[in-house]
Amino acid sequence: MLLQTVPARQGLQWALLGMRTFWKQPLAMSGLFFLFMALVSLVSMVPVIGGALALVLMPAFTAGLMAATQIASEGRFPMPGTLWMALRPGPRRVPMLQLGALYAAGFLLMMAASMLVDGGQFAGVYLAGEPIRPELVQADSFQAALWISMLLYAPLSMLFWHAPALVFWQSVSPAKSLFFSWMGCWRNKGAFLVYIAVWAAVFGSAAVLSMLAAAMLGEPQLTLSIMMPLALLVAAMFFTSMLFTVKDCFSATDASTAP
């Protein structure tokens, strides 16, 4: 496995490859994304441990979505079982769960940091599904907790962005995968900044289209109803694009282990 550096413009190519691959198998990729969300939501409903357990499973499901992207890029139809293939019995299931435990620990530490600011209100909304009240959202402490969580999530994402693929395909240990993932993101930060900017523009365009459609229908209150399906569609394309960031940042020395 070799760490590679790509030009900043490659970030645009990653996004375009994700969109193109999604539309090769739109039914399969959107279905797998909705299944992914449904499974995470169902696991989160388990009393006491549900939220943490869902976080533990996130890297494995992410690896499954990357595997589905690889299948779709080859013109084949990824089956639903692809989503949890990283959890099937084998030598990589335990490392994937260990990686998930590390992700859960990092995420919960991030939430703990936000609790120091607002006493746990933001964490309660995010993790426990507590109702969002207008006066709560407008509170300075809640907004400060939100910004702190967003700032801390950036390095957490860098640590875990490539890690599921490295553990699943390259058999890298969970701890080492975090280091390599960080280096892959840092050395290609220009490309990732372009990549994030492209997806931010796509999400923003979806919001504008939703408002325009609602205005043309003469029903402004429909904006959210129109925007939600569009946002989920864009999110599915975004997850489809993740594999291509891994492929360009890392080169497998053994072709048999390449995704």
C-alpha atoms as a PDB file:
ATOM      1  CA  MET A   1       0.000   0.000   0.000  1.00  0.00           C
ATOM      2  CA  LEU A   2       1.463   3.331  -1.098  1.00  0.00           C
ATOM      3  CA  LEU A   3       0.283   6.773  -0.045  1.00  0.00           C
ATOM      4  CA  GLN A   4      -0.189   9.061  -3.050  1.00  0.00           C
ATOM      5  CA  THR A   5      -0.563  12.803  -3.549  1.00  0.00           C
ATOM      6  CA  VAL A   6      -3.006  14.132  -6.142  1.00  0.00           C
ATOM      7  CA  PRO A   7      -3.586  17.663  -7.474  1.00  0.00           C
ATOM      8  CA  ALA A   8      -6.368  19.799  -6.000  1.00  0.00           C
ATOM      9  CA  ARG A   9      -8.467  19.506  -9.168  1.00  0.00           C
ATOM     10  CA  GLN A  10      -8.863  15.788  -8.484  1.00  0.00           C
ATOM     11  CA  GLY A  11     -11.442  16.691  -5.842  1.00  0.00           C
ATOM     12  CA  LEU A  12     -13.842  17.662  -8.637  1.00  0.00           C
ATOM     13  CA  GLN A  13     -13.168  14.356 -10.391  1.00  0.00           C
ATOM     14  CA  TRP A  14     -14.000  12.413  -7.222  1.00  0.00           C
ATOM     15  CA  ALA A  15     -17.385  14.102  -7.009  1.00  0.00           C
ATOM     16  CA  LEU A  16     -18.109  13.556 -10.714  1.00  0.00           C
ATOM     17  CA  LEU A  17     -17.116   9.873 -10.503  1.00  0.00           C
ATOM     18  CA  GLY A  18     -19.466   9.458  -7.565  1.00  0.00           C
ATOM     19  CA  MET A  19     -22.368  10.970  -9.489  1.00  0.00           C
ATOM     20  CA  ARG A  20     -21.593   8.966 -12.610  1.00  0.00           C
ATOM     21  CA  THR A  21     -21.329   5.684 -10.709  1.00  0.00           C
ATOM     22  CA  PHE A  22     -24.535   6.392  -8.792  1.00  0.00           C
ATOM     23  CA  TRP A  23     -26.484   6.831 -12.021  1.00  0.00           C
ATOM     24  CA  LYS A  24     -25.117   3.553 -13.357  1.00  0.00           C
ATOM     25  CA  GLN A  25     -27.126   1.779 -10.656  1.00  0.00           C
ATOM     26  CA  PRO A  26     -29.406   4.452  -9.135  1.00  0.00           C
ATOM     27  CA  LEU A  27     -31.951   2.008  -7.719  1.00  0.00           C
ATOM     28  CA  ALA A  28     -29.315  -0.139  -6.021  1.00  0.00           C
ATOM     29  CA  MET A  29     -27.187   2.701  -4.661  1.00  0.00           C
ATOM     30  CA  SER A  30     -30.114   4.746  -3.351  1.00  0.00           C
ATOM     31  CA  GLY A  31     -31.689   1.604  -1.893  1.00  0.00           C
ATOM     32  CA  LEU A  32     -28.466   0.651  -0.115  1.00  0.00           C
ATOM     33  CA  PHE A  33     -28.081   4.174   1.261  1.00  0.00           C
ATOM     34  CA  PHE A  34     -31.645   4.149   2.623  1.00  0.00           C
ATOM     35  CA  LEU A  35     -31.039   0.666   4.059  1.00  0.00           C
ATOM     36  CA  PHE A  36     -27.878   2.000   5.696  1.00  0.00           C
ATOM     37  CA  MET A  37     -29.822   4.853   7.289  1.00  0.00           C
ATOM     38  CA  ALA A  38     -32.645   2.549   8.358  1.00  0.00           C
ATOM     39  CA  LEU A  39     -30.289   0.060  10.010  1.00  0.00           C
ATOM     40  CA  VAL A  40     -28.452   2.803  11.888  1.00  0.00           C
ATOM     41  CA  SER A  41     -31.781   4.259  13.055  1.00  0.00           C
ATOM     42  CA  LEU A  42     -33.082   0.873  14.186  1.00  0.00           C
ATOM     43  CA  VAL A  43     -29.911   0.050  16.095  1.00  0.00           C
ATOM     44  CA  SER A  44     -30.026   3.488  17.717  1.00  0.00           C
ATOM     45  CA  MET A  45     -33.435   2.624  19.185  1.00  0.00           C
ATOM     46  CA  VAL A  46     -31.970  -0.147  21.354  1.00  0.00           C
ATOM     47  CA  PRO A  47     -32.324   1.032  24.964  1.00  0.00           C
ATOM     48  CA  VAL A  48     -29.215   2.436  26.700  1.00  0.00           C
ATOM     49  CA  ILE A  49     -26.565   1.138  24.282  1.00  0.00           C
ATOM     50  CA  GLY A  50     -28.294   1.837  20.965  1.00  0.00           C
ATOM     51  CA  GLY A  51     -26.539   5.103  20.157  1.00  0.00           C
ATOM     52  CA  ALA A  52     -23.070   3.746  20.906  1.00  0.00           C
ATOM     53  CA  LEU A  53     -23.768   0.493  19.049  1.00  0.00           C
ATOM     54  CA  ALA A  54     -24.845   2.392  15.940  1.00  0.00           C
ATOM     55  CA  LEU A  55     -21.562   4.311  16.032  1.00  0.00           C
ATOM     56  CA  VAL A  56     -19.604   1.050  16.326  1.00  0.00           C
ATOM     57  CA  LEU A  57     -21.275  -0.270  13.162  1.00  0.00           C
ATOM     58  CA  MET A  58     -20.726   2.887  11.093  1.00  0.00           C
ATOM     59  CA  PRO A  59     -17.242   2.003   9.715  1.00  0.00           C
ATOM     60  CA  ALA A  60     -18.386  -1.490   8.696  1.00  0.00           C
ATOM     61  CA  PHE A  61     -21.438  -0.126   6.888  1.00  0.00           C
ATOM     62  CA  THR A  62     -19.259   2.531   5.240  1.00  0.00           C
ATOM     63  CA  ALA A  63     -16.957  -0.209   3.936  1.00  0.00           C
ATOM     64  CA  GLY A  64     -20.055  -1.996   2.636  1.00  0.00           C
ATOM     65  CA  LEU A  65     -21.166   1.094   0.726  1.00  0.00           C
ATOM     66  CA  MET A  66     -17.679   1.391  -0.771  1.00  0.00           C
ATOM     67  CA  ALA A  67     -17.830  -2.249  -1.851  1.00  0.00           C
ATOM     68  CA  ALA A  68     -21.224  -1.579  -3.439  1.00  0.00           C
ATOM     69  CA  THR A  69     -19.731   1.407  -5.273  1.00  0.00           C
ATOM     70  CA  GLN A  70     -16.987  -0.807  -6.676  1.00  0.00           C
ATOM     71  CA  ILE A  71     -19.579  -3.289  -7.928  1.00  0.00           C
ATOM     72  CA  ALA A  72     -21.713  -0.525  -9.450  1.00  0.00           C
ATOM     73  CA  SER A  73     -18.673   1.032 -11.164  1.00  0.00           C
ATOM     74  CA  GLU A  74     -18.192  -2.302 -12.950  1.00  0.00           C
ATOM     75  CA  GLY A  75     -21.765  -2.155 -14.246  1.00  0.00           C
ATOM     76  CA  ARG A  76     -23.044  -4.836 -11.894  1.00  0.00           C
ATOM     77  CA  PHE A  77     -25.970  -4.649  -9.465  1.00  0.00           C
ATOM     78  CA  PRO A  78     -24.871  -4.624  -5.792  1.00  0.00           C
ATOM     79  CA  MET A  79     -27.145  -6.757  -3.632  1.00  0.00           C
ATOM     80  CA  PRO A  80     -28.386  -5.634  -0.178  1.00  0.00           C
ATOM     81  CA  GLY A  81     -26.033  -8.063   1.574  1.00  0.00           C
ATOM     82  CA  THR A  82     -23.094  -6.022   0.302  1.00  0.00           C
ATOM     83  CA  LEU A  83     -23.835  -3.459   2.993  1.00  0.00           C
ATOM     84  CA  TRP A  84     -22.801  -5.747   5.869  1.00  0.00           C
ATOM     85  CA  MET A  85     -20.163  -7.823   4.094  1.00  0.00           C
ATOM     86  CA  ALA A  86     -17.477  -6.356   6.391  1.00  0.00           C
ATOM     87  CA  LEU A  87     -19.289  -7.972   9.338  1.00  0.00           C
ATOM     88  CA  ARG A  88     -19.416 -11.456   7.876  1.00  0.00           C
ATOM     89  CA  PRO A  89     -17.402 -14.183   9.670  1.00  0.00           C
ATOM     90  CA  GLY A  90     -13.758 -13.904   8.711  1.00  0.00           C
ATOM     91  CA  PRO A  91     -10.418 -12.432   9.728  1.00  0.00           C
ATOM     92  CA  ARG A  92     -11.533  -8.840   9.166  1.00  0.00           C
ATOM     93  CA  ARG A  93     -14.727  -8.748  11.207  1.00  0.00           C
ATOM     94  CA  VAL A  94     -12.989  -8.242  14.568  1.00  0.00           C
ATOM     95  CA  PRO A  95     -10.687  -5.454  13.271  1.00  0.00           C
ATOM     96  CA  MET A  96     -13.706  -3.709  11.745  1.00  0.00           C
ATOM     97  CA  LEU A  97     -15.553  -3.845  15.063  1.00  0.00           C
ATOM     98  CA  GLN A  98     -12.435  -2.587  16.845  1.00  0.00           C
ATOM     99  CA  LEU A  99     -12.301   0.312  14.402  1.00  0.00           C
ATOM    100  CA  GLY A 100     -15.965   0.950  15.120  1.00  0.00           C
ATOM    101  CA  ALA A 101     -15.275   1.005  18.854  1.00  0.00           C
ATOM    102  CA  LEU A 102     -12.555   3.602  18.295  1.00  0.00           C
ATOM    103  CA  TYR A 103     -14.953   5.695  16.213  1.00  0.00           C
ATOM    104  CA  ALA A 104     -17.634   5.473  18.902  1.00  0.00           C
ATOM    105  CA  ALA A 105     -15.123   6.508  21.560  1.00  0.00           C
ATOM    106  CA  GLY A 106     -13.956   9.479  19.497  1.00  0.00           C
ATOM    107  CA  PHE A 107     -17.501  10.591  18.725  1.00  0.00           C
ATOM    108  CA  LEU A 108     -18.625  10.306  22.346  1.00  0.00           C
ATOM    109  CA  LEU A 109     -15.589  12.296  23.485  1.00  0.00           C
ATOM    110  CA  MET A 110     -16.598  14.973  21.000  1.00  0.00           C
ATOM    111  CA  MET A 111     -20.098  15.016  22.485  1.00  0.00           C
ATOM    112  CA  ALA A 112     -18.594  15.181  25.980  1.00  0.00           C
ATOM    113  CA  ALA A 113     -16.665  18.286  24.948  1.00  0.00           C
ATOM    114  CA  SER A 114     -19.902  19.910  23.775  1.00  0.00           C
ATOM    115  CA  MET A 115     -21.517  19.064  27.126  1.00  0.00           C
ATOM    116  CA  LEU A 116     -18.965  21.231  28.886  1.00  0.00           C
ATOM    117  CA  VAL A 117     -20.424  24.208  27.021  1.00  0.00           C
ATOM    118  CA  ASP A 118     -24.194  23.708  27.223  1.00  0.00           C
ATOM    119  CA  GLY A 119     -24.673  21.074  29.909  1.00  0.00           C
ATOM    120  CA  GLY A 120     -25.571  18.327  27.448  1.00  0.00           C
ATOM    121  CA  GLN A 121     -28.480  19.929  25.570  1.00  0.00           C
ATOM    122  CA  PHE A 122     -26.925  19.522  22.119  1.00  0.00           C
ATOM    123  CA  ALA A 123     -25.796  15.962  22.938  1.00  0.00           C
ATOM    124  CA  GLY A 124     -29.322  15.158  24.128  1.00  0.00           C
ATOM    125  CA  VAL A 125     -30.825  16.308  20.839  1.00  0.00           C
ATOM    126  CA  TYR A 126     -28.209  14.525  18.728  1.00  0.00           C
ATOM    127  CA  LEU A 127     -27.867  11.266  20.632  1.00  0.00           C
ATOM    128  CA  ALA A 128     -31.102  10.868  22.575  1.00  0.00           C
ATOM    129  CA  GLY A 129     -33.492  12.388  20.052  1.00  0.00           C
ATOM    130  CA  GLU A 130     -34.802  15.007  22.441  1.00  0.00           C
ATOM    131  CA  PRO A 131     -37.206  17.508  20.831  1.00  0.00           C
ATOM    132  CA  ILE A 132     -35.751  20.608  19.202  1.00  0.00           C
ATOM    133  CA  ARG A 133     -37.376  23.746  20.587  1.00  0.00           C
ATOM    134  CA  PRO A 134     -36.890  27.167  18.962  1.00  0.00           C
ATOM    135  CA  GLU A 135     -35.726  28.705  22.233  1.00  0.00           C
ATOM    136  CA  LEU A 136     -33.188  25.893  22.649  1.00  0.00           C
ATOM    137  CA  VAL A 137     -31.694  26.352  19.182  1.00  0.00           C
ATOM    138  CA  GLN A 138     -31.456  30.114  19.676  1.00  0.00           C
ATOM    139  CA  ALA A 139     -29.581  29.764  22.969  1.00  0.00           C
ATOM    140  CA  ASP A 140     -25.954  30.915  22.807  1.00  0.00           C
ATOM    141  CA  SER A 141     -24.740  27.862  24.721  1.00  0.00           C
ATOM    142  CA  PHE A 142     -26.476  25.474  22.304  1.00  0.00           C
ATOM    143  CA  GLN A 143     -24.994  27.223  19.277  1.00  0.00           C
ATOM    144  CA  ALA A 144     -21.544  27.214  20.874  1.00  0.00           C
ATOM    145  CA  ALA A 145     -21.851  23.459  21.501  1.00  0.00           C
ATOM    146  CA  LEU A 146     -22.905  22.980  17.873  1.00  0.00           C
ATOM    147  CA  TRP A 147     -19.864  24.865  16.555  1.00  0.00           C
ATOM    148  CA  ILE A 148     -17.475  23.043  18.872  1.00  0.00           C
ATOM    149  CA  SER A 149     -18.862  19.698  17.689  1.00  0.00           C
ATOM    150  CA  MET A 150     -18.475  20.724  14.052  1.00  0.00           C
ATOM    151  CA  LEU A 151     -14.882  21.840  14.595  1.00  0.00           C
ATOM    152  CA  LEU A 152     -13.970  18.638  16.423  1.00  0.00           C
ATOM    153  CA  TYR A 153     -15.690  16.458  13.841  1.00  0.00           C
ATOM    154  CA  ALA A 154     -13.290  17.645  11.120  1.00  0.00           C
ATOM    155  CA  PRO A 155     -10.185  15.903  12.604  1.00  0.00           C
ATOM    156  CA  LEU A 156     -12.335  12.911  13.592  1.00  0.00           C
ATOM    157  CA  SER A 157     -13.443  12.574   9.968  1.00  0.00           C
ATOM    158  CA  MET A 158      -9.852  12.772   8.753  1.00  0.00           C
ATOM    159  CA  LEU A 159      -8.860   9.945  11.089  1.00  0.00           C
ATOM    160  CA  PHE A 160     -11.655   7.664   9.926  1.00  0.00           C
ATOM    161  CA  TRP A 161     -12.211   8.712   6.298  1.00  0.00           C
ATOM    162  CA  HIS A 162      -9.982   6.062   4.703  1.00  0.00           C
ATOM    163  CA  ALA A 163      -9.788   3.736   7.698  1.00  0.00           C
ATOM    164  CA  PRO A 164     -12.717   1.381   6.851  1.00  0.00           C
ATOM    165  CA  ALA A 165     -11.307   0.686   3.386  1.00  0.00           C
ATOM    166  CA  LEU A 166      -7.766   0.207   4.689  1.00  0.00           C
ATOM    167  CA  VAL A 167      -8.889  -2.283   7.338  1.00  0.00           C
ATOM    168  CA  PHE A 168     -11.266  -4.136   5.015  1.00  0.00           C
ATOM    169  CA  TRP A 169      -9.240  -4.323   1.800  1.00  0.00           C
ATOM    170  CA  GLN A 170      -5.651  -3.846   2.906  1.00  0.00           C
ATOM    171  CA  SER A 171      -5.824  -5.686   6.277  1.00  0.00           C
ATOM    172  CA  VAL A 172      -4.242  -2.696   8.016  1.00  0.00           C
ATOM    173  CA  SER A 173      -4.629  -2.746  11.795  1.00  0.00           C
ATOM    174  CA  PRO A 174      -7.265  -0.337  13.166  1.00  0.00           C
ATOM    175  CA  ALA A 175      -4.697   1.887  14.933  1.00  0.00           C
ATOM    176  CA  LYS A 176      -2.433   2.139  11.867  1.00  0.00           C
ATOM    177  CA  SER A 177      -5.413   2.778   9.598  1.00  0.00           C
ATOM    178  CA  LEU A 178      -6.163   5.950  11.570  1.00  0.00           C
ATOM    179  CA  PHE A 179      -2.627   7.232  11.029  1.00  0.00           C
ATOM    180  CA  PHE A 180      -2.653   6.448   7.311  1.00  0.00           C
ATOM    181  CA  SER A 181      -6.121   7.938   6.925  1.00  0.00           C
ATOM    182  CA  TRP A 182      -4.995  11.168   8.558  1.00  0.00           C
ATOM    183  CA  MET A 183      -1.912  11.359   6.348  1.00  0.00           C
ATOM    184  CA  GLY A 184      -3.957  10.588   3.239  1.00  0.00           C
ATOM    185  CA  CYS A 185      -6.324  13.455   4.010  1.00  0.00           C
ATOM    186  CA  TRP A 186      -3.572  15.876   5.058  1.00  0.00           C
ATOM    187  CA  ARG A 187      -1.312  15.268   2.069  1.00  0.00           C
ATOM    188  CA  ASN A 188      -4.299  15.690  -0.256  1.00  0.00           C
ATOM    189  CA  LYS A 189      -5.983  18.514   1.633  1.00  0.00           C
ATOM    190  CA  GLY A 190      -6.215  20.631  -1.513  1.00  0.00           C
ATOM    191  CA  ALA A 191      -8.178  17.944  -3.328  1.00  0.00           C
ATOM    192  CA  PHE A 192     -10.406  17.380  -0.302  1.00  0.00           C
ATOM    193  CA  LEU A 193     -11.147  21.099   0.008  1.00  0.00           C
ATOM    194  CA  VAL A 194     -12.257  21.142  -3.635  1.00  0.00           C
ATOM    195  CA  TYR A 195     -14.233  17.930  -3.061  1.00  0.00           C
ATOM    196  CA  ILE A 196     -16.060  19.428  -0.055  1.00  0.00           C
ATOM    197  CA  ALA A 197     -16.710  22.675  -1.922  1.00  0.00           C
ATOM    198  CA  VAL A 198     -18.245  20.789  -4.866  1.00  0.00           C
ATOM    199  CA  TRP A 199     -20.591  18.807  -2.637  1.00  0.00           C
ATOM    200  CA  ALA A 200     -21.504  21.936  -0.656  1.00  0.00           C
ATOM    201  CA  ALA A 201     -22.445  23.586  -3.951  1.00  0.00           C
ATOM    202  CA  VAL A 202     -24.516  20.557  -4.983  1.00  0.00           C
ATOM    203  CA  PHE A 203     -26.373  20.502  -1.662  1.00  0.00           C
ATOM    204  CA  GLY A 204     -26.912  24.252  -1.898  1.00  0.00           C
ATOM    205  CA  SER A 205     -28.255  23.913  -5.443  1.00  0.00           C
ATOM    206  CA  ALA A 206     -30.688  21.237  -4.259  1.00  0.00           C
ATOM    207  CA  ALA A 207     -31.989  23.645  -1.604  1.00  0.00           C
ATOM    208  CA  VAL A 208     -32.408  26.459  -4.159  1.00  0.00           C
ATOM    209  CA  LEU A 209     -34.220  24.135  -6.582  1.00  0.00           C
ATOM    210  CA  SER A 210     -36.556  23.067  -3.800  1.00  0.00           C
ATOM    211  CA  MET A 211     -37.441  26.683  -2.989  1.00  0.00           C
ATOM    212  CA  LEU A 212     -37.969  27.501  -6.666  1.00  0.00           C
ATOM    213  CA  ALA A 213     -40.179  24.455  -7.183  1.00  0.00           C
ATOM    214  CA  ALA A 214     -42.272  25.320  -4.139  1.00  0.00           C
ATOM    215  CA  ALA A 215     -42.578  28.938  -5.305  1.00  0.00           C
ATOM    216  CA  MET A 216     -43.668  27.852  -8.797  1.00  0.00           C
ATOM    217  CA  LEU A 217     -46.329  25.643  -7.232  1.00  0.00           C
ATOM    218  CA  GLY A 218     -47.478  28.551  -5.113  1.00  0.00           C
ATOM    219  CA  GLU A 219     -46.921  26.526  -1.933  1.00  0.00           C
ATOM    220  CA  PRO A 220     -43.843  27.812  -0.061  1.00  0.00           C
ATOM    221  CA  GLN A 221     -44.580  25.439   2.820  1.00  0.00           C
ATOM    222  CA  LEU A 222     -43.733  22.538   0.484  1.00  0.00           C
ATOM    223  CA  THR A 223     -40.068  23.565   0.355  1.00  0.00           C
ATOM    224  CA  LEU A 224     -39.024  21.125   3.061  1.00  0.00           C
ATOM    225  CA  SER A 225     -41.103  18.303   1.563  1.00  0.00           C
ATOM    226  CA  ILE A 226     -39.370  18.786  -1.789  1.00  0.00           C
ATOM    227  CA  MET A 227     -35.919  19.361  -0.329  1.00  0.00           C
ATOM    228  CA  MET A 228     -35.762  16.214   1.833  1.00  0.00           C
ATOM    229  CA  PRO A 229     -35.886  13.681  -1.064  1.00  0.00           C
ATOM    230  CA  LEU A 230     -33.400  15.772  -3.042  1.00  0.00           C
ATOM    231  CA  ALA A 231     -31.051  16.015  -0.063  1.00  0.00           C
ATOM    232  CA  LEU A 232     -31.198  12.239   0.473  1.00  0.00           C
ATOM    233  CA  LEU A 233     -30.476  11.681  -3.218  1.00  0.00           C
ATOM    234  CA  VAL A 234     -27.438  13.977  -3.066  1.00  0.00           C
ATOM    235  CA  ALA A 235     -26.295  12.290   0.161  1.00  0.00           C
ATOM    236  CA  ALA A 236     -26.464   8.895  -1.576  1.00  0.00           C
ATOM    237  CA  MET A 237     -24.293  10.236  -4.412  1.00  0.00           C
ATOM    238  CA  PHE A 238     -21.877  11.701  -1.874  1.00  0.00           C
ATOM    239  CA  PHE A 239     -21.415   8.324  -0.168  1.00  0.00           C
ATOM    240  CA  THR A 240     -20.969   6.749  -3.606  1.00  0.00           C
ATOM    241  CA  SER A 241     -18.059   9.102  -4.271  1.00  0.00           C
ATOM    242  CA  MET A 242     -16.089   8.144  -1.151  1.00  0.00           C
ATOM    243  CA  LEU A 243     -14.471   5.088  -2.720  1.00  0.00           C
ATOM    244  CA  PHE A 244     -12.747   7.192  -5.383  1.00  0.00           C
ATOM    245  CA  THR A 245     -11.027   9.330  -2.749  1.00  0.00           C
ATOM    246  CA  VAL A 246      -9.517   6.151  -1.285  1.00  0.00           C
ATOM    247  CA  LYS A 247      -8.447   4.782  -4.660  1.00  0.00           C
ATOM    248  CA  ASP A 248      -6.544   7.944  -5.551  1.00  0.00           C
ATOM    249  CA  CYS A 249      -4.959   8.522  -2.147  1.00  0.00           C
ATOM    250  CA  PHE A 250      -3.725   4.941  -1.741  1.00  0.00           C
ATOM    251  CA  SER A 251      -2.268   2.523  -4.250  1.00  0.00           C
ATOM    252  CA  ALA A 252      -2.393  -1.217  -3.452  1.00  0.00           C
ATOM    253  CA  THR A 253       0.962  -2.924  -3.880  1.00  0.00           C
ATOM    254  CA  ASP A 254      -0.912  -6.192  -4.317  1.00  0.00           C
ATOM    255  CA  ALA A 255      -3.588  -6.002  -7.010  1.00  0.00           C
ATOM    256  CA  SER A 256      -5.551  -8.824  -5.378  1.00  0.00           C
ATOM    257  CA  THR A 257      -6.229  -6.642  -2.332  1.00  0.00           C
ATOM    258  CA  ALA A 258      -7.246  -3.525  -4.242  1.00  0.00           C
ATOM    259  CA  PRO A 259     -10.912  -2.481  -3.906  1.00  0.00           C
END
